[in-house]
Amino acid sequence: AQKNSVEGVTRLAFTVLRDGELSDLRMVRSSGSKILDEAASAAVTRAAPFHPFPKMIKQSSLDMQVAIVYELKR
């Protein structure tokens, strides 16, 4: 992507379960580039599992949405 000067923003949504496991990863908005979209999904997948929730958080899961920005340094 960098060689071809591809930039974009991929928006992903996913759920983090109480034990830190990743669930239901999905794309909310494509960057328009398959390579960037796949890299964004892979980055979230590699980041899992997350830390388990602290005891003060009573929910069994948290829904998250992130924007992963690919921008060339100029």
PDB file of N, CA and C in Angstrom:
ATOM      1  N   ALA A   1       0.822  -1.186   0.000  1.00  0.00           N
ATOM      2  CA  ALA A   1       0.000   0.000   0.000  1.00  0.00           C
ATOM      3  C   ALA A   1       0.874   1.261   0.000  1.00  0.00           C
ATOM      4  N   GLN A   2       1.921   1.225   0.799  1.00  0.00           N
ATOM      5  CA  GLN A   2       2.788   2.400   0.884  1.00  0.00           C
ATOM      6  C   GLN A   2       3.486   2.656  -0.451  1.00  0.00           C
ATOM      7  N   LYS A   3       3.919   1.595  -1.117  1.00  0.00           N
ATOM      8  CA  LYS A   3       4.595   1.749  -2.408  1.00  0.00           C
ATOM      9  C   LYS A   3       3.696   2.423  -3.435  1.00  0.00           C
ATOM     10  N   ASN A   4       2.372   2.159  -3.317  1.00  0.00           N
ATOM     11  CA  ASN A   4       1.414   2.721  -4.270  1.00  0.00           C
ATOM     12  C   ASN A   4       0.727   3.977  -3.739  1.00  0.00           C
ATOM     13  N   SER A   5       1.236   4.531  -2.634  1.00  0.00           N
ATOM     14  CA  SER A   5       0.687   5.746  -2.015  1.00  0.00           C
ATOM     15  C   SER A   5      -0.797   5.619  -1.675  1.00  0.00           C
ATOM     16  N   VAL A   6      -1.174   4.451  -1.154  1.00  0.00           N
ATOM     17  CA  VAL A   6      -2.568   4.216  -0.783  1.00  0.00           C
ATOM     18  C   VAL A   6      -2.799   4.715   0.648  1.00  0.00           C
ATOM     19  N   GLU A   7      -3.824   5.540   0.813  1.00  0.00           N
ATOM     20  CA  GLU A   7      -4.211   6.053   2.120  1.00  0.00           C
ATOM     21  C   GLU A   7      -5.697   5.772   2.327  1.00  0.00           C
ATOM     22  N   GLY A   8      -6.123   5.818   3.574  1.00  0.00           N
ATOM     23  CA  GLY A   8      -7.548   5.636   3.838  1.00  0.00           C
ATOM     24  C   GLY A   8      -7.824   5.421   5.308  1.00  0.00           C
ATOM     25  N   VAL A   9      -9.107   5.355   5.615  1.00  0.00           N
ATOM     26  CA  VAL A   9      -9.568   5.116   6.983  1.00  0.00           C
ATOM     27  C   VAL A   9     -10.531   3.941   6.957  1.00  0.00           C
ATOM     28  N   THR A  10     -10.239   2.935   7.766  1.00  0.00           N
ATOM     29  CA  THR A  10     -11.120   1.785   7.916  1.00  0.00           C
ATOM     30  C   THR A  10     -11.792   1.880   9.273  1.00  0.00           C
ATOM     31  N   ARG A  11     -13.095   1.764   9.308  1.00  0.00           N
ATOM     32  CA  ARG A  11     -13.837   1.776  10.576  1.00  0.00           C
ATOM     33  C   ARG A  11     -14.292   0.354  10.881  1.00  0.00           C
ATOM     34  N   LEU A  12     -13.920  -0.105  12.075  1.00  0.00           N
ATOM     35  CA  LEU A  12     -14.270  -1.454  12.509  1.00  0.00           C
ATOM     36  C   LEU A  12     -15.088  -1.390  13.790  1.00  0.00           C
ATOM     37  N   ALA A  13     -15.952  -2.373  13.972  1.00  0.00           N
ATOM     38  CA  ALA A  13     -16.695  -2.538  15.211  1.00  0.00           C
ATOM     39  C   ALA A  13     -16.445  -3.954  15.695  1.00  0.00           C
ATOM     40  N   PHE A  14     -16.431  -4.116  17.008  1.00  0.00           N
ATOM     41  CA  PHE A  14     -16.239  -5.449  17.582  1.00  0.00           C
ATOM     42  C   PHE A  14     -16.715  -5.425  19.023  1.00  0.00           C
ATOM     43  N   THR A  15     -16.815  -6.593  19.597  1.00  0.00           N
ATOM     44  CA  THR A  15     -17.214  -6.748  20.990  1.00  0.00           C
ATOM     45  C   THR A  15     -16.058  -7.368  21.748  1.00  0.00           C
ATOM     46  N   VAL A  16     -15.803  -6.836  22.935  1.00  0.00           N
ATOM     47  CA  VAL A  16     -14.821  -7.421  23.839  1.00  0.00           C
ATOM     48  C   VAL A  16     -15.610  -8.080  24.969  1.00  0.00           C
ATOM     49  N   LEU A  17     -15.379  -9.365  25.171  1.00  0.00           N
ATOM     50  CA  LEU A  17     -16.066 -10.105  26.229  1.00  0.00           C
ATOM     51  C   LEU A  17     -15.367  -9.901  27.565  1.00  0.00           C
ATOM     52  N   ARG A  18     -16.056 -10.187  28.633  1.00  0.00           N
ATOM     53  CA  ARG A  18     -15.553  -9.974  29.997  1.00  0.00           C
ATOM     54  C   ARG A  18     -14.160 -10.546  30.207  1.00  0.00           C
ATOM     55  N   ASP A  19     -13.872 -11.690  29.603  1.00  0.00           N
ATOM     56  CA  ASP A  19     -12.562 -12.329  29.783  1.00  0.00           C
ATOM     57  C   ASP A  19     -11.488 -11.774  28.857  1.00  0.00           C
ATOM     58  N   GLY A  20     -11.852 -10.765  28.031  1.00  0.00           N
ATOM     59  CA  GLY A  20     -10.897 -10.133  27.130  1.00  0.00           C
ATOM     60  C   GLY A  20     -10.901 -10.685  25.718  1.00  0.00           C
ATOM     61  N   GLU A  21     -11.718 -11.700  25.496  1.00  0.00           N
ATOM     62  CA  GLU A  21     -11.775 -12.283  24.147  1.00  0.00           C
ATOM     63  C   GLU A  21     -12.478 -11.347  23.165  1.00  0.00           C
ATOM     64  N   LEU A  22     -12.038 -11.408  21.918  1.00  0.00           N
ATOM     65  CA  LEU A  22     -12.603 -10.630  20.822  1.00  0.00           C
ATOM     66  C   LEU A  22     -13.781 -11.391  20.228  1.00  0.00           C
ATOM     67  N   SER A  23     -14.855 -10.667  19.925  1.00  0.00           N
ATOM     68  CA  SER A  23     -16.032 -11.284  19.330  1.00  0.00           C
ATOM     69  C   SER A  23     -16.622 -10.347  18.283  1.00  0.00           C
ATOM     70  N   ASP A  24     -17.189 -10.925  17.252  1.00  0.00           N
ATOM     71  CA  ASP A  24     -18.000 -10.199  16.278  1.00  0.00           C
ATOM     72  C   ASP A  24     -17.281  -9.022  15.613  1.00  0.00           C
ATOM     73  N   LEU A  25     -16.069  -9.255  15.145  1.00  0.00           N
ATOM     74  CA  LEU A  25     -15.330  -8.228  14.412  1.00  0.00           C
ATOM     75  C   LEU A  25     -15.985  -8.008  13.051  1.00  0.00           C
ATOM     76  N   ARG A  26     -16.297  -6.748  12.753  1.00  0.00           N
ATOM     77  CA  ARG A  26     -16.940  -6.440  11.473  1.00  0.00           C
ATOM     78  C   ARG A  26     -16.520  -5.057  10.979  1.00  0.00           C
ATOM     79  N   MET A  27     -16.587  -4.879   9.684  1.00  0.00           N
ATOM     80  CA  MET A  27     -16.239  -3.598   9.085  1.00  0.00           C
ATOM     81  C   MET A  27     -17.483  -2.714   9.025  1.00  0.00           C
ATOM     82  N   VAL A  28     -17.349  -1.519   9.537  1.00  0.00           N
ATOM     83  CA  VAL A  28     -18.436  -0.540   9.500  1.00  0.00           C
ATOM     84  C   VAL A  28     -18.339   0.290   8.230  1.00  0.00           C
ATOM     85  N   ARG A  29     -17.094   0.665   7.883  1.00  0.00           N
ATOM     86  CA  ARG A  29     -16.868   1.440   6.664  1.00  0.00           C
ATOM     87  C   ARG A  29     -15.509   1.074   6.082  1.00  0.00           C
ATOM     88  N   SER A  30     -15.500   0.742   4.827  1.00  0.00           N
ATOM     89  CA  SER A  30     -14.275   0.395   4.126  1.00  0.00           C
ATOM     90  C   SER A  30     -13.462   1.651   3.814  1.00  0.00           C
ATOM     91  N   SER A  31     -12.164   1.457   3.753  1.00  0.00           N
ATOM     92  CA  SER A  31     -11.272   2.540   3.324  1.00  0.00           C
ATOM     93  C   SER A  31     -11.323   2.713   1.811  1.00  0.00           C
ATOM     94  N   GLY A  32     -11.881   1.721   1.151  1.00  0.00           N
ATOM     95  CA  GLY A  32     -11.865   1.700  -0.311  1.00  0.00           C
ATOM     96  C   GLY A  32     -10.703   0.894  -0.856  1.00  0.00           C
ATOM     97  N   SER A  33      -9.865   0.387   0.056  1.00  0.00           N
ATOM     98  CA  SER A  33      -8.710  -0.416  -0.340  1.00  0.00           C
ATOM     99  C   SER A  33      -8.756  -1.755   0.399  1.00  0.00           C
ATOM    100  N   LYS A  34      -8.830  -2.823  -0.353  1.00  0.00           N
ATOM    101  CA  LYS A  34      -8.884  -4.161   0.252  1.00  0.00           C
ATOM    102  C   LYS A  34      -7.664  -4.408   1.143  1.00  0.00           C
ATOM    103  N   ILE A  35      -6.516  -3.971   0.696  1.00  0.00           N
ATOM    104  CA  ILE A  35      -5.267  -4.198   1.452  1.00  0.00           C
ATOM    105  C   ILE A  35      -5.305  -3.487   2.800  1.00  0.00           C
ATOM    106  N   LEU A  36      -5.809  -2.243   2.842  1.00  0.00           N
ATOM    107  CA  LEU A  36      -5.893  -1.507   4.098  1.00  0.00           C
ATOM    108  C   LEU A  36      -6.963  -2.101   5.011  1.00  0.00           C
ATOM    109  N   ASP A  37      -8.094  -2.484   4.446  1.00  0.00           N
ATOM    110  CA  ASP A  37      -9.163  -3.079   5.243  1.00  0.00           C
ATOM    111  C   ASP A  37      -8.707  -4.389   5.895  1.00  0.00           C
ATOM    112  N   GLU A  38      -8.017  -5.210   5.128  1.00  0.00           N
ATOM    113  CA  GLU A  38      -7.523  -6.476   5.669  1.00  0.00           C
ATOM    114  C   GLU A  38      -6.461  -6.240   6.746  1.00  0.00           C
ATOM    115  N   ALA A  39      -5.603  -5.256   6.549  1.00  0.00           N
ATOM    116  CA  ALA A  39      -4.569  -4.945   7.543  1.00  0.00           C
ATOM    117  C   ALA A  39      -5.205  -4.437   8.835  1.00  0.00           C
ATOM    118  N   ALA A  40      -6.251  -3.637   8.725  1.00  0.00           N
ATOM    119  CA  ALA A  40      -6.935  -3.123   9.917  1.00  0.00           C
ATOM    120  C   ALA A  40      -7.572  -4.266  10.705  1.00  0.00           C
ATOM    121  N   SER A  41      -8.260  -5.154  10.020  1.00  0.00           N
ATOM    122  CA  SER A  41      -8.870  -6.312  10.689  1.00  0.00           C
ATOM    123  C   SER A  41      -7.812  -7.192  11.343  1.00  0.00           C
ATOM    124  N   ALA A  42      -6.715  -7.397  10.656  1.00  0.00           N
ATOM    125  CA  ALA A  42      -5.627  -8.216  11.205  1.00  0.00           C
ATOM    126  C   ALA A  42      -5.011  -7.567  12.447  1.00  0.00           C
ATOM    127  N   ALA A  43      -4.916  -6.243  12.457  1.00  0.00           N
ATOM    128  CA  ALA A  43      -4.336  -5.538  13.609  1.00  0.00           C
ATOM    129  C   ALA A  43      -5.199  -5.736  14.854  1.00  0.00           C
ATOM    130  N   VAL A  44      -6.505  -5.632  14.699  1.00  0.00           N
ATOM    131  CA  VAL A  44      -7.396  -5.833  15.847  1.00  0.00           C
ATOM    132  C   VAL A  44      -7.339  -7.291  16.301  1.00  0.00           C
ATOM    133  N   THR A  45      -7.322  -8.213  15.371  1.00  0.00           N
ATOM    134  CA  THR A  45      -7.253  -9.634  15.709  1.00  0.00           C
ATOM    135  C   THR A  45      -5.961  -9.950  16.450  1.00  0.00           C
ATOM    136  N   ARG A  46      -4.849  -9.376  16.011  1.00  0.00           N
ATOM    137  CA  ARG A  46      -3.557  -9.615  16.683  1.00  0.00           C
ATOM    138  C   ARG A  46      -3.507  -8.995  18.070  1.00  0.00           C
ATOM    139  N   ALA A  47      -4.249  -7.909  18.280  1.00  0.00           N
ATOM    140  CA  ALA A  47      -4.262  -7.236  19.590  1.00  0.00           C
ATOM    141  C   ALA A  47      -4.994  -8.067  20.644  1.00  0.00           C
ATOM    142  N   ALA A  48      -5.864  -8.949  20.217  1.00  0.00           N
ATOM    143  CA  ALA A  48      -6.621  -9.794  21.136  1.00  0.00           C
ATOM    144  C   ALA A  48      -5.756 -10.969  21.601  1.00  0.00           C
ATOM    145  N   PRO A  49      -6.003 -11.524  22.765  1.00  0.00           N
ATOM    146  CA  PRO A  49      -7.040 -11.110  23.688  1.00  0.00           C
ATOM    147  C   PRO A  49      -6.636  -9.852  24.445  1.00  0.00           C
ATOM    148  N   PHE A  50      -7.650  -9.113  24.875  1.00  0.00           N
ATOM    149  CA  PHE A  50      -7.445  -7.904  25.656  1.00  0.00           C
ATOM    150  C   PHE A  50      -7.417  -8.267  27.141  1.00  0.00           C
ATOM    151  N   HIS A  51      -7.091  -7.310  27.976  1.00  0.00           N
ATOM    152  CA  HIS A  51      -7.107  -7.575  29.414  1.00  0.00           C
ATOM    153  C   HIS A  51      -8.536  -7.867  29.862  1.00  0.00           C
ATOM    154  N   PRO A  52      -8.717  -8.799  30.789  1.00  0.00           N
ATOM    155  CA  PRO A  52     -10.061  -9.019  31.344  1.00  0.00           C
ATOM    156  C   PRO A  52     -10.567  -7.750  32.017  1.00  0.00           C
ATOM    157  N   PHE A  53     -11.885  -7.624  32.118  1.00  0.00           N
ATOM    158  CA  PHE A  53     -12.488  -6.440  32.734  1.00  0.00           C
ATOM    159  C   PHE A  53     -12.156  -6.398  34.226  1.00  0.00           C
ATOM    160  N   PRO A  54     -11.960  -5.202  34.756  1.00  0.00           N
ATOM    161  CA  PRO A  54     -11.848  -5.071  36.212  1.00  0.00           C
ATOM    162  C   PRO A  54     -13.189  -5.448  36.864  1.00  0.00           C
ATOM    163  N   LYS A  55     -13.160  -5.851  38.106  1.00  0.00           N
ATOM    164  CA  LYS A  55     -14.378  -6.280  38.809  1.00  0.00           C
ATOM    165  C   LYS A  55     -15.439  -5.191  38.884  1.00  0.00           C
ATOM    166  N   MET A  56     -15.013  -3.919  38.862  1.00  0.00           N
ATOM    167  CA  MET A  56     -15.992  -2.825  38.964  1.00  0.00           C
ATOM    168  C   MET A  56     -16.851  -2.690  37.708  1.00  0.00           C
ATOM    169  N   ILE A  57     -16.426  -3.262  36.591  1.00  0.00           N
ATOM    170  CA  ILE A  57     -17.230  -3.238  35.363  1.00  0.00           C
ATOM    171  C   ILE A  57     -18.138  -4.462  35.395  1.00  0.00           C
ATOM    172  N   LYS A  58     -19.421  -4.223  35.450  1.00  0.00           N
ATOM    173  CA  LYS A  58     -20.401  -5.303  35.627  1.00  0.00           C
ATOM    174  C   LYS A  58     -20.890  -5.910  34.305  1.00  0.00           C
ATOM    175  N   GLN A  59     -20.699  -5.200  33.199  1.00  0.00           N
ATOM    176  CA  GLN A  59     -21.180  -5.705  31.910  1.00  0.00           C
ATOM    177  C   GLN A  59     -20.462  -7.006  31.533  1.00  0.00           C
ATOM    178  N   SER A  60     -21.159  -7.818  30.771  1.00  0.00           N
ATOM    179  CA  SER A  60     -20.556  -9.062  30.288  1.00  0.00           C
ATOM    180  C   SER A  60     -19.763  -8.840  29.002  1.00  0.00           C
ATOM    181  N   SER A  61     -19.984  -7.680  28.363  1.00  0.00           N
ATOM    182  CA  SER A  61     -19.251  -7.355  27.136  1.00  0.00           C
ATOM    183  C   SER A  61     -19.303  -5.846  26.905  1.00  0.00           C
ATOM    184  N   LEU A  62     -18.372  -5.372  26.083  1.00  0.00           N
ATOM    185  CA  LEU A  62     -18.347  -3.965  25.676  1.00  0.00           C
ATOM    186  C   LEU A  62     -18.271  -3.901  24.155  1.00  0.00           C
ATOM    187  N   ASP A  63     -19.138  -3.101  23.567  1.00  0.00           N
ATOM    188  CA  ASP A  63     -19.101  -2.888  22.116  1.00  0.00           C
ATOM    189  C   ASP A  63     -18.164  -1.729  21.836  1.00  0.00           C
ATOM    190  N   MET A  64     -17.268  -1.934  20.890  1.00  0.00           N
ATOM    191  CA  MET A  64     -16.259  -0.941  20.557  1.00  0.00           C
ATOM    192  C   MET A  64     -16.371  -0.595  19.071  1.00  0.00           C
ATOM    193  N   GLN A  65     -15.955   0.624  18.732  1.00  0.00           N
ATOM    194  CA  GLN A  65     -15.819   1.020  17.339  1.00  0.00           C
ATOM    195  C   GLN A  65     -14.545   1.845  17.229  1.00  0.00           C
ATOM    196  N   VAL A  66     -13.711   1.511  16.246  1.00  0.00           N
ATOM    197  CA  VAL A  66     -12.442   2.207  16.059  1.00  0.00           C
ATOM    198  C   VAL A  66     -12.267   2.600  14.600  1.00  0.00           C
ATOM    199  N   ALA A  67     -11.526   3.676  14.414  1.00  0.00           N
ATOM    200  CA  ALA A  67     -11.121   4.102  13.073  1.00  0.00           C
ATOM    201  C   ALA A  67      -9.615   3.904  12.997  1.00  0.00           C
ATOM    202  N   ILE A  68      -9.179   3.157  12.013  1.00  0.00           N
ATOM    203  CA  ILE A  68      -7.745   2.953  11.800  1.00  0.00           C
ATOM    204  C   ILE A  68      -7.373   3.766  10.563  1.00  0.00           C
ATOM    205  N   VAL A  69      -6.470   4.709  10.778  1.00  0.00           N
ATOM    206  CA  VAL A  69      -6.103   5.683   9.747  1.00  0.00           C
ATOM    207  C   VAL A  69      -4.761   5.306   9.142  1.00  0.00           C
ATOM    208  N   TYR A  70      -4.746   5.190   7.839  1.00  0.00           N
ATOM    209  CA  TYR A  70      -3.499   4.974   7.099  1.00  0.00           C
ATOM    210  C   TYR A  70      -3.210   6.241   6.333  1.00  0.00           C
ATOM    211  N   GLU A  71      -2.123   6.907   6.725  1.00  0.00           N
ATOM    212  CA  GLU A  71      -1.770   8.185   6.116  1.00  0.00           C
ATOM    213  C   GLU A  71      -0.263   8.209   5.872  1.00  0.00           C
ATOM    214  N   LEU A  72       0.102   8.574   4.679  1.00  0.00           N
ATOM    215  CA  LEU A  72       1.519   8.662   4.338  1.00  0.00           C
ATOM    216  C   LEU A  72       2.133   9.907   4.956  1.00  0.00           C
ATOM    217  N   LYS A  73       3.322   9.765   5.483  1.00  0.00           N
ATOM    218  CA  LYS A  73       4.042  10.933   5.998  1.00  0.00           C
ATOM    219  C   LYS A  73       4.553  11.743   4.819  1.00  0.00           C
ATOM    220  N   ARG A  74       4.360  12.994   4.907  1.00  0.00           N
ATOM    221  CA  ARG A  74       4.785  13.862   3.798  1.00  0.00           C
ATOM    222  C   ARG A  74       5.908  14.752   4.252  1.00  0.00           C
TER     223      ARG A  74
END
